[in-house]
Amino acid sequence: MTALMVDALLLTAYRLHSLAARLGSDGTWMLPFESSPIWANAGDGSPIEFWGQVQLVAASGLLWRVSHQLPGRRVLAVWGVVLMVTAVDDRLRIHERVGRLLDLNSIVPFLSGWAGQEVGGLVFWTLAGTAFSMWLLRAYSTSSPAARRAALTLLIVVLPVGVIAVAYVALSAIGNDFLVGLSGVVVVDLRVAAKLLTTTACLILAMRWTEHSP
């Protein structure tokens, strides 16, 4: 599918950038990737992050459309809101700003400034996730069996990236030493790939349900 091809191209470019930055391409064929900082870490403002946001917004709109095709699909509309909020958070860096505002590193001595921000962001998403979970459960209880199955499928799809995000924050809090060197490369690559492929999976499911409403 086209979305997966775009994922593969972006992840390849990201990995080439990391490789070129480590080895030093020095005028070789990898120079475009080394000289383009937008690929670094696939973070804020990167093509990978932007593509993920586009997919989340598209999936959100499609889920809203599916939820209004037939009655008993309210839980899918709520999932659409969750995906939209996630995209907006990514774009506006809300959880990072909340993390800085909480200033947890001044409260917990062993946290560095960056780790404190990450843990603060996790606190934000824990509270937001709790609120969304209650909303989803309420909508789930009033939805049709088919819509419930679709909602559970979405949960299974997004759960791994949530676990990876929590593990990443935990490693950040324990110490940044683990995130340096080969272990850091593996962890960051896993996080980037899992996040991007999860957004693509959400879009593919939403597109499928648009054609064959659950």
N, C-alpha and C. Protein backbone atom coordinates (compact mmCIF):
# COMPACT_ATOMS: atom_id res chain seq x y z
N MET A 1 0.84 -1.20 0.00
CA MET A 1 0.00 0.00 0.00
C MET A 1 0.88 1.25 0.00
N THR A 2 0.33 2.34 -0.56
CA THR A 2 1.11 3.57 -0.72
C THR A 2 1.64 4.09 0.62
N ALA A 3 0.81 4.07 1.65
CA ALA A 3 1.23 4.59 2.97
C ALA A 3 2.43 3.82 3.50
N LEU A 4 2.43 2.51 3.32
CA LEU A 4 3.56 1.69 3.79
C LEU A 4 4.82 1.98 2.98
N MET A 5 4.67 2.26 1.69
CA MET A 5 5.82 2.61 0.86
C MET A 5 6.43 3.92 1.32
N VAL A 6 5.57 4.90 1.65
CA VAL A 6 6.07 6.18 2.17
C VAL A 6 6.80 5.95 3.50
N ASP A 7 6.23 5.11 4.36
CA ASP A 7 6.88 4.77 5.63
C ASP A 7 8.28 4.23 5.38
N ALA A 8 8.38 3.27 4.45
CA ALA A 8 9.66 2.63 4.17
C ALA A 8 10.68 3.65 3.67
N LEU A 9 10.26 4.55 2.79
CA LEU A 9 11.17 5.56 2.26
C LEU A 9 11.64 6.52 3.35
N LEU A 10 10.72 6.96 4.20
CA LEU A 10 11.08 7.90 5.26
C LEU A 10 11.99 7.25 6.30
N LEU A 11 11.69 6.01 6.68
CA LEU A 11 12.53 5.32 7.65
C LEU A 11 13.91 5.03 7.09
N THR A 12 13.98 4.72 5.79
CA THR A 12 15.28 4.49 5.15
C THR A 12 16.11 5.77 5.14
N ALA A 13 15.47 6.89 4.78
CA ALA A 13 16.17 8.17 4.77
C ALA A 13 16.66 8.54 6.17
N TYR A 14 15.82 8.30 7.17
CA TYR A 14 16.19 8.58 8.56
C TYR A 14 17.39 7.75 8.99
N ARG A 15 17.38 6.45 8.62
CA ARG A 15 18.49 5.58 9.00
C ARG A 15 19.77 5.96 8.27
N LEU A 16 19.65 6.36 6.98
CA LEU A 16 20.82 6.79 6.23
C LEU A 16 21.43 8.05 6.84
N HIS A 17 20.56 8.95 7.31
CA HIS A 17 21.06 10.16 7.97
C HIS A 17 21.86 9.79 9.22
N SER A 18 21.30 8.90 10.03
CA SER A 18 21.99 8.50 11.26
C SER A 18 23.32 7.83 10.94
N LEU A 19 23.32 6.98 9.91
CA LEU A 19 24.55 6.29 9.51
C LEU A 19 25.58 7.26 8.98
N ALA A 20 25.13 8.20 8.15
CA ALA A 20 26.05 9.19 7.59
C ALA A 20 26.63 10.09 8.68
N ALA A 21 25.78 10.45 9.65
CA ALA A 21 26.25 11.32 10.74
C ALA A 21 27.29 10.61 11.60
N ARG A 22 27.14 9.28 11.76
CA ARG A 22 28.09 8.51 12.58
C ARG A 22 29.40 8.25 11.83
N LEU A 23 29.28 7.89 10.54
CA LEU A 23 30.47 7.51 9.79
C LEU A 23 31.17 8.70 9.15
N GLY A 24 30.38 9.75 8.89
CA GLY A 24 30.95 10.91 8.21
C GLY A 24 31.07 10.65 6.72
N SER A 25 30.07 11.04 5.96
CA SER A 25 30.06 10.70 4.54
C SER A 25 31.13 11.44 3.76
N ASP A 26 31.43 12.69 4.16
CA ASP A 26 32.52 13.46 3.57
C ASP A 26 32.48 13.46 2.04
N GLY A 27 31.36 13.88 1.50
CA GLY A 27 31.27 14.02 0.05
C GLY A 27 30.79 12.78 -0.68
N THR A 28 30.48 11.74 0.01
CA THR A 28 30.03 10.51 -0.64
C THR A 28 28.54 10.62 -0.94
N TRP A 29 27.97 9.51 -1.43
CA TRP A 29 26.57 9.50 -1.85
C TRP A 29 25.60 9.76 -0.71
N MET A 30 26.06 9.63 0.57
CA MET A 30 25.15 9.86 1.69
C MET A 30 25.13 11.31 2.15
N LEU A 31 25.88 12.18 1.48
CA LEU A 31 25.98 13.58 1.90
C LEU A 31 24.62 14.28 2.05
N PRO A 32 23.67 14.09 1.11
CA PRO A 32 22.37 14.78 1.29
C PRO A 32 21.69 14.45 2.61
N PHE A 33 21.86 13.22 3.08
CA PHE A 33 21.22 12.83 4.34
C PHE A 33 21.99 13.41 5.53
N GLU A 34 23.32 13.45 5.40
CA GLU A 34 24.12 13.99 6.49
C GLU A 34 23.90 15.49 6.64
N SER A 35 23.71 16.17 5.54
CA SER A 35 23.60 17.64 5.59
C SER A 35 22.17 18.12 5.80
N SER A 36 21.23 17.21 6.00
CA SER A 36 19.84 17.60 6.22
C SER A 36 19.42 17.27 7.65
N PRO A 37 19.52 18.24 8.57
CA PRO A 37 19.20 17.98 9.98
C PRO A 37 17.75 17.62 10.24
N ILE A 38 16.87 17.85 9.25
CA ILE A 38 15.46 17.53 9.47
C ILE A 38 15.25 16.04 9.69
N TRP A 39 16.22 15.21 9.29
CA TRP A 39 16.08 13.77 9.48
C TRP A 39 16.49 13.34 10.88
N ALA A 40 17.22 14.18 11.58
CA ALA A 40 17.81 13.78 12.86
C ALA A 40 16.74 13.41 13.88
N ASN A 41 16.87 12.20 14.42
CA ASN A 41 16.01 11.70 15.51
C ASN A 41 14.53 11.60 15.14
N ALA A 42 14.18 11.96 13.91
CA ALA A 42 12.77 11.91 13.46
C ALA A 42 11.87 12.65 14.44
N GLY A 43 12.38 13.74 15.01
CA GLY A 43 11.64 14.47 16.03
C GLY A 43 10.86 15.64 15.49
N ASP A 44 10.74 16.70 16.30
CA ASP A 44 9.91 17.84 15.97
C ASP A 44 10.30 18.44 14.62
N GLY A 45 9.30 18.60 13.75
CA GLY A 45 9.52 19.21 12.46
C GLY A 45 10.07 18.28 11.40
N SER A 46 10.31 17.02 11.73
CA SER A 46 10.87 16.08 10.77
C SER A 46 9.80 15.58 9.82
N PRO A 47 10.19 15.13 8.62
CA PRO A 47 9.20 14.57 7.68
C PRO A 47 8.46 13.35 8.26
N ILE A 48 9.17 12.54 9.05
CA ILE A 48 8.53 11.36 9.64
C ILE A 48 7.41 11.79 10.59
N GLU A 49 7.69 12.78 11.44
CA GLU A 49 6.67 13.23 12.38
C GLU A 49 5.49 13.84 11.63
N PHE A 50 5.78 14.66 10.61
CA PHE A 50 4.70 15.30 9.86
C PHE A 50 3.83 14.26 9.15
N TRP A 51 4.44 13.26 8.55
CA TRP A 51 3.69 12.20 7.87
C TRP A 51 2.81 11.44 8.86
N GLY A 52 3.34 11.21 10.04
CA GLY A 52 2.53 10.55 11.07
C GLY A 52 1.33 11.38 11.47
N GLN A 53 1.53 12.69 11.58
CA GLN A 53 0.42 13.58 11.92
C GLN A 53 -0.64 13.60 10.83
N VAL A 54 -0.22 13.63 9.58
CA VAL A 54 -1.16 13.61 8.46
C VAL A 54 -2.00 12.34 8.49
N GLN A 55 -1.36 11.21 8.76
CA GLN A 55 -2.09 9.94 8.81
C GLN A 55 -3.09 9.91 9.96
N LEU A 56 -2.69 10.45 11.11
CA LEU A 56 -3.60 10.46 12.26
C LEU A 56 -4.82 11.33 11.98
N VAL A 57 -4.61 12.49 11.38
CA VAL A 57 -5.73 13.38 11.06
C VAL A 57 -6.66 12.71 10.05
N ALA A 58 -6.07 12.07 9.04
CA ALA A 58 -6.89 11.38 8.03
C ALA A 58 -7.67 10.24 8.66
N ALA A 59 -7.01 9.45 9.51
CA ALA A 59 -7.69 8.34 10.18
C ALA A 59 -8.81 8.84 11.07
N SER A 60 -8.57 9.96 11.76
CA SER A 60 -9.58 10.54 12.63
C SER A 60 -10.83 10.93 11.83
N GLY A 61 -10.62 11.61 10.70
CA GLY A 61 -11.75 12.02 9.87
C GLY A 61 -12.53 10.83 9.33
N LEU A 62 -11.82 9.78 8.92
CA LEU A 62 -12.48 8.59 8.40
C LEU A 62 -13.27 7.87 9.49
N LEU A 63 -12.74 7.82 10.70
CA LEU A 63 -13.47 7.17 11.80
C LEU A 63 -14.75 7.94 12.12
N TRP A 64 -14.68 9.25 12.07
CA TRP A 64 -15.88 10.05 12.28
C TRP A 64 -16.92 9.76 11.19
N ARG A 65 -16.43 9.62 9.96
CA ARG A 65 -17.34 9.30 8.86
C ARG A 65 -17.99 7.93 9.06
N VAL A 66 -17.18 6.96 9.45
CA VAL A 66 -17.71 5.61 9.68
C VAL A 66 -18.73 5.62 10.81
N SER A 67 -18.44 6.38 11.86
CA SER A 67 -19.32 6.39 13.03
C SER A 67 -20.70 6.96 12.72
N HIS A 68 -20.80 7.75 11.65
CA HIS A 68 -22.08 8.35 11.29
C HIS A 68 -22.79 7.62 10.15
N GLN A 69 -22.16 6.57 9.64
CA GLN A 69 -22.80 5.82 8.55
C GLN A 69 -24.00 5.01 9.06
N LEU A 70 -23.82 4.41 10.22
CA LEU A 70 -24.87 3.59 10.82
C LEU A 70 -24.91 3.86 12.32
N PRO A 71 -26.03 3.62 12.99
CA PRO A 71 -26.10 3.83 14.45
C PRO A 71 -25.27 2.78 15.19
N GLY A 72 -24.96 3.09 16.44
CA GLY A 72 -24.25 2.12 17.27
C GLY A 72 -22.75 2.11 17.08
N ARG A 73 -22.20 3.19 16.55
CA ARG A 73 -20.75 3.24 16.31
C ARG A 73 -20.09 4.44 16.99
N ARG A 74 -20.66 4.84 18.09
CA ARG A 74 -20.16 6.02 18.82
C ARG A 74 -18.72 5.84 19.29
N VAL A 75 -18.35 4.62 19.63
CA VAL A 75 -17.00 4.38 20.13
C VAL A 75 -15.95 4.71 19.08
N LEU A 76 -16.30 4.56 17.80
CA LEU A 76 -15.34 4.90 16.74
C LEU A 76 -15.17 6.41 16.61
N ALA A 77 -16.25 7.16 16.88
CA ALA A 77 -16.14 8.62 16.88
C ALA A 77 -15.21 9.08 18.00
N VAL A 78 -15.31 8.44 19.16
CA VAL A 78 -14.42 8.79 20.27
C VAL A 78 -12.98 8.45 19.92
N TRP A 79 -12.77 7.31 19.28
CA TRP A 79 -11.42 6.97 18.82
C TRP A 79 -10.91 8.03 17.85
N GLY A 80 -11.79 8.55 17.02
CA GLY A 80 -11.39 9.61 16.11
C GLY A 80 -10.90 10.85 16.85
N VAL A 81 -11.59 11.19 17.94
CA VAL A 81 -11.16 12.32 18.77
C VAL A 81 -9.79 12.04 19.39
N VAL A 82 -9.59 10.82 19.87
CA VAL A 82 -8.31 10.46 20.49
C VAL A 82 -7.16 10.62 19.49
N LEU A 83 -7.37 10.14 18.27
CA LEU A 83 -6.32 10.25 17.25
C LEU A 83 -6.06 11.70 16.87
N MET A 84 -7.14 12.50 16.80
CA MET A 84 -6.97 13.92 16.46
C MET A 84 -6.20 14.65 17.56
N VAL A 85 -6.54 14.39 18.81
CA VAL A 85 -5.83 15.01 19.93
C VAL A 85 -4.35 14.61 19.92
N THR A 86 -4.08 13.35 19.60
CA THR A 86 -2.70 12.89 19.52
C THR A 86 -1.93 13.65 18.45
N ALA A 87 -2.57 13.86 17.29
CA ALA A 87 -1.92 14.61 16.21
C ALA A 87 -1.67 16.06 16.61
N VAL A 88 -2.66 16.67 17.25
CA VAL A 88 -2.52 18.07 17.69
C VAL A 88 -1.41 18.18 18.74
N ASP A 89 -1.36 17.22 19.66
CA ASP A 89 -0.30 17.22 20.66
C ASP A 89 1.07 17.12 20.02
N ASP A 90 1.19 16.25 19.02
CA ASP A 90 2.46 16.11 18.30
C ASP A 90 2.84 17.41 17.62
N ARG A 91 1.86 18.04 17.00
CA ARG A 91 2.14 19.25 16.22
C ARG A 91 2.50 20.43 17.12
N LEU A 92 1.74 20.60 18.19
CA LEU A 92 1.94 21.77 19.07
C LEU A 92 2.86 21.48 20.24
N ARG A 93 3.32 20.20 20.36
CA ARG A 93 4.23 19.78 21.43
C ARG A 93 3.65 20.11 22.81
N ILE A 94 2.39 19.80 22.98
CA ILE A 94 1.70 20.14 24.23
C ILE A 94 2.29 19.40 25.42
N HIS A 95 2.50 18.08 25.28
CA HIS A 95 2.98 17.33 26.44
C HIS A 95 4.41 17.73 26.81
N GLU A 96 5.21 18.14 25.82
CA GLU A 96 6.56 18.64 26.14
C GLU A 96 6.47 19.94 26.94
N ARG A 97 5.56 20.82 26.55
CA ARG A 97 5.41 22.10 27.25
C ARG A 97 4.90 21.89 28.67
N VAL A 98 3.96 20.95 28.81
CA VAL A 98 3.47 20.63 30.16
C VAL A 98 4.60 20.04 30.99
N GLY A 99 5.40 19.18 30.36
CA GLY A 99 6.53 18.57 31.07
C GLY A 99 7.51 19.61 31.59
N ARG A 100 7.80 20.62 30.76
CA ARG A 100 8.69 21.69 31.20
C ARG A 100 8.04 22.53 32.30
N LEU A 101 6.73 22.76 32.16
CA LEU A 101 6.01 23.57 33.14
C LEU A 101 5.99 22.91 34.52
N LEU A 102 5.85 21.58 34.54
CA LEU A 102 5.83 20.85 35.81
C LEU A 102 7.18 20.90 36.52
N ASP A 103 8.26 21.02 35.73
CA ASP A 103 9.59 21.20 36.31
C ASP A 103 9.91 20.11 37.36
N LEU A 104 9.69 18.85 36.98
CA LEU A 104 9.85 17.75 37.93
C LEU A 104 11.30 17.55 38.36
N ASN A 105 12.26 17.98 37.55
CA ASN A 105 13.66 17.80 37.92
C ASN A 105 14.04 18.63 39.14
N SER A 106 13.25 19.69 39.43
CA SER A 106 13.52 20.47 40.64
C SER A 106 12.91 19.81 41.88
N ILE A 107 11.98 18.87 41.64
CA ILE A 107 11.34 18.15 42.74
C ILE A 107 12.03 16.81 42.99
N VAL A 108 12.39 16.13 41.90
CA VAL A 108 13.08 14.83 42.00
C VAL A 108 14.54 15.04 41.62
N PRO A 109 15.45 15.04 42.59
CA PRO A 109 16.85 15.41 42.37
C PRO A 109 17.57 14.61 41.29
N PHE A 110 17.28 13.29 41.18
CA PHE A 110 18.06 12.47 40.25
C PHE A 110 17.62 12.63 38.79
N LEU A 111 16.56 13.39 38.54
CA LEU A 111 16.11 13.61 37.17
C LEU A 111 16.87 14.78 36.55
N SER A 112 17.39 14.57 35.34
CA SER A 112 17.99 15.68 34.61
C SER A 112 16.87 16.55 34.06
N GLY A 113 17.22 17.71 33.51
CA GLY A 113 16.21 18.60 32.96
C GLY A 113 15.41 17.93 31.86
N TRP A 114 16.12 17.21 30.96
CA TRP A 114 15.44 16.54 29.86
C TRP A 114 14.58 15.39 30.35
N ALA A 115 15.12 14.60 31.29
CA ALA A 115 14.35 13.48 31.84
C ALA A 115 13.11 13.98 32.59
N GLY A 116 13.27 15.09 33.31
CA GLY A 116 12.13 15.67 34.02
C GLY A 116 11.03 16.08 33.06
N GLN A 117 11.42 16.63 31.91
CA GLN A 117 10.43 17.01 30.90
C GLN A 117 9.71 15.77 30.36
N GLU A 118 10.48 14.70 30.11
CA GLU A 118 9.88 13.47 29.58
C GLU A 118 8.89 12.86 30.59
N VAL A 119 9.29 12.82 31.84
CA VAL A 119 8.41 12.26 32.87
C VAL A 119 7.17 13.15 33.04
N GLY A 120 7.36 14.47 32.98
CA GLY A 120 6.23 15.38 33.06
C GLY A 120 5.26 15.18 31.91
N GLY A 121 5.81 14.94 30.72
CA GLY A 121 4.96 14.64 29.58
C GLY A 121 4.18 13.35 29.77
N LEU A 122 4.83 12.37 30.41
CA LEU A 122 4.14 11.11 30.70
C LEU A 122 3.01 11.32 31.70
N VAL A 123 3.21 12.19 32.66
CA VAL A 123 2.15 12.52 33.63
C VAL A 123 0.96 13.12 32.89
N PHE A 124 1.24 14.04 31.95
CA PHE A 124 0.17 14.65 31.16
C PHE A 124 -0.63 13.58 30.43
N TRP A 125 0.06 12.66 29.76
CA TRP A 125 -0.63 11.65 28.97
C TRP A 125 -1.32 10.61 29.85
N THR A 126 -0.81 10.40 31.05
CA THR A 126 -1.49 9.50 31.98
C THR A 126 -2.85 10.06 32.37
N LEU A 127 -2.88 11.35 32.69
CA LEU A 127 -4.14 12.00 33.05
C LEU A 127 -5.09 12.06 31.85
N ALA A 128 -4.54 12.46 30.69
CA ALA A 128 -5.38 12.53 29.49
C ALA A 128 -5.86 11.14 29.09
N GLY A 129 -4.97 10.15 29.20
CA GLY A 129 -5.35 8.78 28.85
C GLY A 129 -6.43 8.23 29.75
N THR A 130 -6.38 8.58 31.02
CA THR A 130 -7.43 8.15 31.96
C THR A 130 -8.78 8.72 31.57
N ALA A 131 -8.79 10.01 31.24
CA ALA A 131 -10.05 10.65 30.83
C ALA A 131 -10.58 10.03 29.54
N PHE A 132 -9.70 9.82 28.57
CA PHE A 132 -10.12 9.22 27.31
C PHE A 132 -10.60 7.79 27.50
N SER A 133 -9.94 7.05 28.40
CA SER A 133 -10.33 5.66 28.66
C SER A 133 -11.75 5.58 29.21
N MET A 134 -12.06 6.48 30.13
CA MET A 134 -13.43 6.51 30.69
C MET A 134 -14.45 6.85 29.60
N TRP A 135 -14.11 7.79 28.73
CA TRP A 135 -15.00 8.17 27.63
C TRP A 135 -15.18 7.01 26.65
N LEU A 136 -14.07 6.32 26.35
CA LEU A 136 -14.14 5.19 25.44
C LEU A 136 -14.97 4.05 26.02
N LEU A 137 -14.81 3.79 27.32
CA LEU A 137 -15.57 2.71 27.95
C LEU A 137 -17.07 3.00 27.93
N ARG A 138 -17.41 4.25 28.16
CA ARG A 138 -18.82 4.62 28.13
C ARG A 138 -19.39 4.46 26.73
N ALA A 139 -18.62 4.92 25.72
CA ALA A 139 -19.07 4.78 24.34
C ALA A 139 -19.09 3.32 23.91
N TYR A 140 -18.14 2.55 24.40
CA TYR A 140 -18.06 1.12 24.08
C TYR A 140 -19.30 0.38 24.57
N SER A 141 -19.78 0.74 25.74
CA SER A 141 -20.93 0.05 26.33
C SER A 141 -22.22 0.29 25.56
N THR A 142 -22.27 1.36 24.77
CA THR A 142 -23.49 1.69 24.03
C THR A 142 -23.35 1.44 22.53
N SER A 143 -22.24 0.84 22.12
CA SER A 143 -22.00 0.60 20.70
C SER A 143 -22.36 -0.83 20.30
N SER A 144 -22.45 -1.04 19.00
CA SER A 144 -22.81 -2.36 18.48
C SER A 144 -21.65 -3.33 18.66
N PRO A 145 -21.91 -4.64 18.64
CA PRO A 145 -20.82 -5.63 18.76
C PRO A 145 -19.73 -5.46 17.71
N ALA A 146 -20.11 -5.15 16.48
CA ALA A 146 -19.11 -4.96 15.41
C ALA A 146 -18.23 -3.75 15.70
N ALA A 147 -18.85 -2.66 16.16
CA ALA A 147 -18.08 -1.46 16.50
C ALA A 147 -17.16 -1.72 17.69
N ARG A 148 -17.61 -2.54 18.63
CA ARG A 148 -16.77 -2.89 19.78
C ARG A 148 -15.53 -3.66 19.32
N ARG A 149 -15.75 -4.60 18.39
CA ARG A 149 -14.60 -5.36 17.87
C ARG A 149 -13.61 -4.43 17.17
N ALA A 150 -14.13 -3.48 16.41
CA ALA A 150 -13.26 -2.53 15.72
C ALA A 150 -12.49 -1.68 16.73
N ALA A 151 -13.17 -1.26 17.80
CA ALA A 151 -12.52 -0.45 18.83
C ALA A 151 -11.41 -1.23 19.53
N LEU A 152 -11.66 -2.51 19.80
CA LEU A 152 -10.64 -3.35 20.42
C LEU A 152 -9.46 -3.56 19.49
N THR A 153 -9.73 -3.66 18.20
CA THR A 153 -8.65 -3.78 17.22
C THR A 153 -7.75 -2.56 17.26
N LEU A 154 -8.35 -1.38 17.32
CA LEU A 154 -7.56 -0.15 17.42
C LEU A 154 -6.73 -0.13 18.70
N LEU A 155 -7.33 -0.60 19.79
CA LEU A 155 -6.60 -0.64 21.06
C LEU A 155 -5.38 -1.54 20.96
N ILE A 156 -5.55 -2.71 20.34
CA ILE A 156 -4.43 -3.64 20.17
C ILE A 156 -3.33 -3.03 19.31
N VAL A 157 -3.74 -2.24 18.31
CA VAL A 157 -2.77 -1.62 17.41
C VAL A 157 -1.95 -0.54 18.11
N VAL A 158 -2.61 0.30 18.92
CA VAL A 158 -1.91 1.44 19.53
C VAL A 158 -1.21 1.07 20.84
N LEU A 159 -1.59 -0.03 21.47
CA LEU A 159 -1.02 -0.37 22.77
C LEU A 159 0.50 -0.55 22.75
N PRO A 160 1.08 -1.25 21.76
CA PRO A 160 2.54 -1.43 21.76
C PRO A 160 3.31 -0.12 21.75
N VAL A 161 2.86 0.87 20.96
CA VAL A 161 3.61 2.13 20.91
C VAL A 161 3.50 2.87 22.24
N GLY A 162 2.38 2.68 22.97
CA GLY A 162 2.25 3.26 24.30
C GLY A 162 3.23 2.62 25.27
N VAL A 163 3.37 1.31 25.19
CA VAL A 163 4.31 0.60 26.06
C VAL A 163 5.74 1.05 25.77
N ILE A 164 6.07 1.19 24.48
CA ILE A 164 7.41 1.63 24.10
C ILE A 164 7.69 3.04 24.60
N ALA A 165 6.68 3.91 24.51
CA ALA A 165 6.85 5.29 24.98
C ALA A 165 7.11 5.34 26.47
N VAL A 166 6.37 4.54 27.24
CA VAL A 166 6.58 4.50 28.70
C VAL A 166 7.96 3.95 29.02
N ALA A 167 8.39 2.91 28.30
CA ALA A 167 9.72 2.34 28.52
C ALA A 167 10.81 3.35 28.20
N TYR A 168 10.60 4.13 27.16
CA TYR A 168 11.58 5.15 26.77
C TYR A 168 11.72 6.21 27.86
N VAL A 169 10.58 6.64 28.40
CA VAL A 169 10.62 7.63 29.48
C VAL A 169 11.30 7.05 30.71
N ALA A 170 11.01 5.78 31.01
CA ALA A 170 11.64 5.13 32.16
C ALA A 170 13.15 5.07 32.00
N LEU A 171 13.61 4.73 30.81
CA LEU A 171 15.05 4.70 30.55
C LEU A 171 15.66 6.10 30.66
N SER A 172 14.91 7.11 30.22
CA SER A 172 15.39 8.49 30.34
C SER A 172 15.54 8.88 31.81
N ALA A 173 14.60 8.43 32.64
CA ALA A 173 14.64 8.78 34.06
C ALA A 173 15.76 8.05 34.78
N ILE A 174 16.00 6.79 34.39
CA ILE A 174 17.05 6.01 35.03
C ILE A 174 18.41 6.60 34.74
N GLY A 175 18.62 7.00 33.51
CA GLY A 175 19.91 7.59 33.14
C GLY A 175 20.06 7.63 31.64
N ASN A 176 20.65 8.71 31.15
CA ASN A 176 20.81 8.86 29.72
C ASN A 176 21.92 8.00 29.15
N ASP A 177 22.74 7.39 30.01
CA ASP A 177 23.86 6.60 29.54
C ASP A 177 23.39 5.45 28.64
N PHE A 178 22.24 4.88 28.99
CA PHE A 178 21.73 3.76 28.21
C PHE A 178 21.31 4.20 26.81
N LEU A 179 20.93 5.46 26.68
CA LEU A 179 20.47 5.98 25.40
C LEU A 179 21.60 6.52 24.54
N VAL A 180 22.83 6.24 24.96
CA VAL A 180 24.01 6.65 24.21
C VAL A 180 24.67 5.40 23.62
N GLY A 181 25.16 5.51 22.40
CA GLY A 181 25.80 4.36 21.78
C GLY A 181 24.81 3.47 21.06
N LEU A 182 25.21 2.20 20.86
CA LEU A 182 24.40 1.26 20.09
C LEU A 182 23.04 1.02 20.73
N SER A 183 23.01 0.89 22.06
CA SER A 183 21.73 0.66 22.74
C SER A 183 20.77 1.82 22.50
N GLY A 184 21.29 3.04 22.51
CA GLY A 184 20.45 4.20 22.25
C GLY A 184 19.93 4.22 20.83
N VAL A 185 20.77 3.81 19.87
CA VAL A 185 20.35 3.76 18.47
C VAL A 185 19.19 2.78 18.31
N VAL A 186 19.32 1.60 18.93
CA VAL A 186 18.28 0.57 18.83
C VAL A 186 16.97 1.06 19.44
N VAL A 187 17.06 1.67 20.63
CA VAL A 187 15.85 2.12 21.32
C VAL A 187 15.14 3.22 20.53
N VAL A 188 15.91 4.19 20.05
CA VAL A 188 15.31 5.30 19.30
C VAL A 188 14.72 4.81 17.98
N ASP A 189 15.45 3.92 17.29
CA ASP A 189 14.94 3.38 16.03
C ASP A 189 13.63 2.61 16.25
N LEU A 190 13.59 1.83 17.31
CA LEU A 190 12.39 1.06 17.62
C LEU A 190 11.22 2.00 17.90
N ARG A 191 11.48 3.04 18.66
CA ARG A 191 10.44 4.01 19.01
C ARG A 191 9.92 4.72 17.77
N VAL A 192 10.82 5.17 16.91
CA VAL A 192 10.44 5.90 15.70
C VAL A 192 9.63 5.01 14.77
N ALA A 193 10.14 3.79 14.52
CA ALA A 193 9.46 2.88 13.60
C ALA A 193 8.09 2.46 14.14
N ALA A 194 8.02 2.15 15.43
CA ALA A 194 6.75 1.71 16.02
C ALA A 194 5.71 2.82 15.94
N LYS A 195 6.11 4.04 16.22
CA LYS A 195 5.16 5.16 16.18
C LYS A 195 4.64 5.39 14.77
N LEU A 196 5.54 5.38 13.79
CA LEU A 196 5.12 5.63 12.41
C LEU A 196 4.24 4.51 11.88
N LEU A 197 4.63 3.26 12.11
CA LEU A 197 3.85 2.13 11.61
C LEU A 197 2.49 2.04 12.31
N THR A 198 2.43 2.49 13.55
CA THR A 198 1.14 2.49 14.25
C THR A 198 0.17 3.49 13.63
N THR A 199 0.67 4.68 13.29
CA THR A 199 -0.21 5.66 12.64
C THR A 199 -0.69 5.14 11.29
N THR A 200 0.18 4.44 10.58
CA THR A 200 -0.21 3.88 9.29
C THR A 200 -1.25 2.79 9.47
N ALA A 201 -1.08 1.95 10.48
CA ALA A 201 -2.05 0.89 10.75
C ALA A 201 -3.42 1.48 11.07
N CYS A 202 -3.45 2.56 11.84
CA CYS A 202 -4.72 3.22 12.15
C CYS A 202 -5.39 3.74 10.88
N LEU A 203 -4.60 4.32 9.99
CA LEU A 203 -5.15 4.84 8.74
C LEU A 203 -5.69 3.71 7.86
N ILE A 204 -4.94 2.62 7.76
CA ILE A 204 -5.38 1.48 6.94
C ILE A 204 -6.69 0.90 7.47
N LEU A 205 -6.79 0.76 8.79
CA LEU A 205 -8.02 0.23 9.38
C LEU A 205 -9.20 1.16 9.12
N ALA A 206 -8.97 2.47 9.29
CA ALA A 206 -10.04 3.44 9.07
C ALA A 206 -10.51 3.41 7.61
N MET A 207 -9.56 3.28 6.69
CA MET A 207 -9.91 3.21 5.27
C MET A 207 -10.71 1.94 4.98
N ARG A 208 -10.31 0.84 5.57
CA ARG A 208 -11.02 -0.43 5.35
C ARG A 208 -12.44 -0.34 5.89
N TRP A 209 -12.61 0.26 7.06
CA TRP A 209 -13.95 0.37 7.64
C TRP A 209 -14.83 1.35 6.89
N THR A 210 -14.19 2.31 6.20
CA THR A 210 -14.97 3.21 5.37
C THR A 210 -15.62 2.46 4.21
N GLU A 211 -14.88 1.49 3.67
CA GLU A 211 -15.41 0.68 2.56
C GLU A 211 -16.36 -0.42 3.04
N HIS A 212 -16.03 -1.01 4.17
CA HIS A 212 -16.84 -2.09 4.74
C HIS A 212 -17.13 -1.75 6.20
N SER A 213 -18.16 -0.99 6.43
CA SER A 213 -18.47 -0.50 7.76
C SER A 213 -18.65 -1.64 8.76
N PRO A 214 -17.96 -1.57 9.93
CA PRO A 214 -18.07 -2.63 10.94
C PRO A 214 -19.45 -2.59 11.62
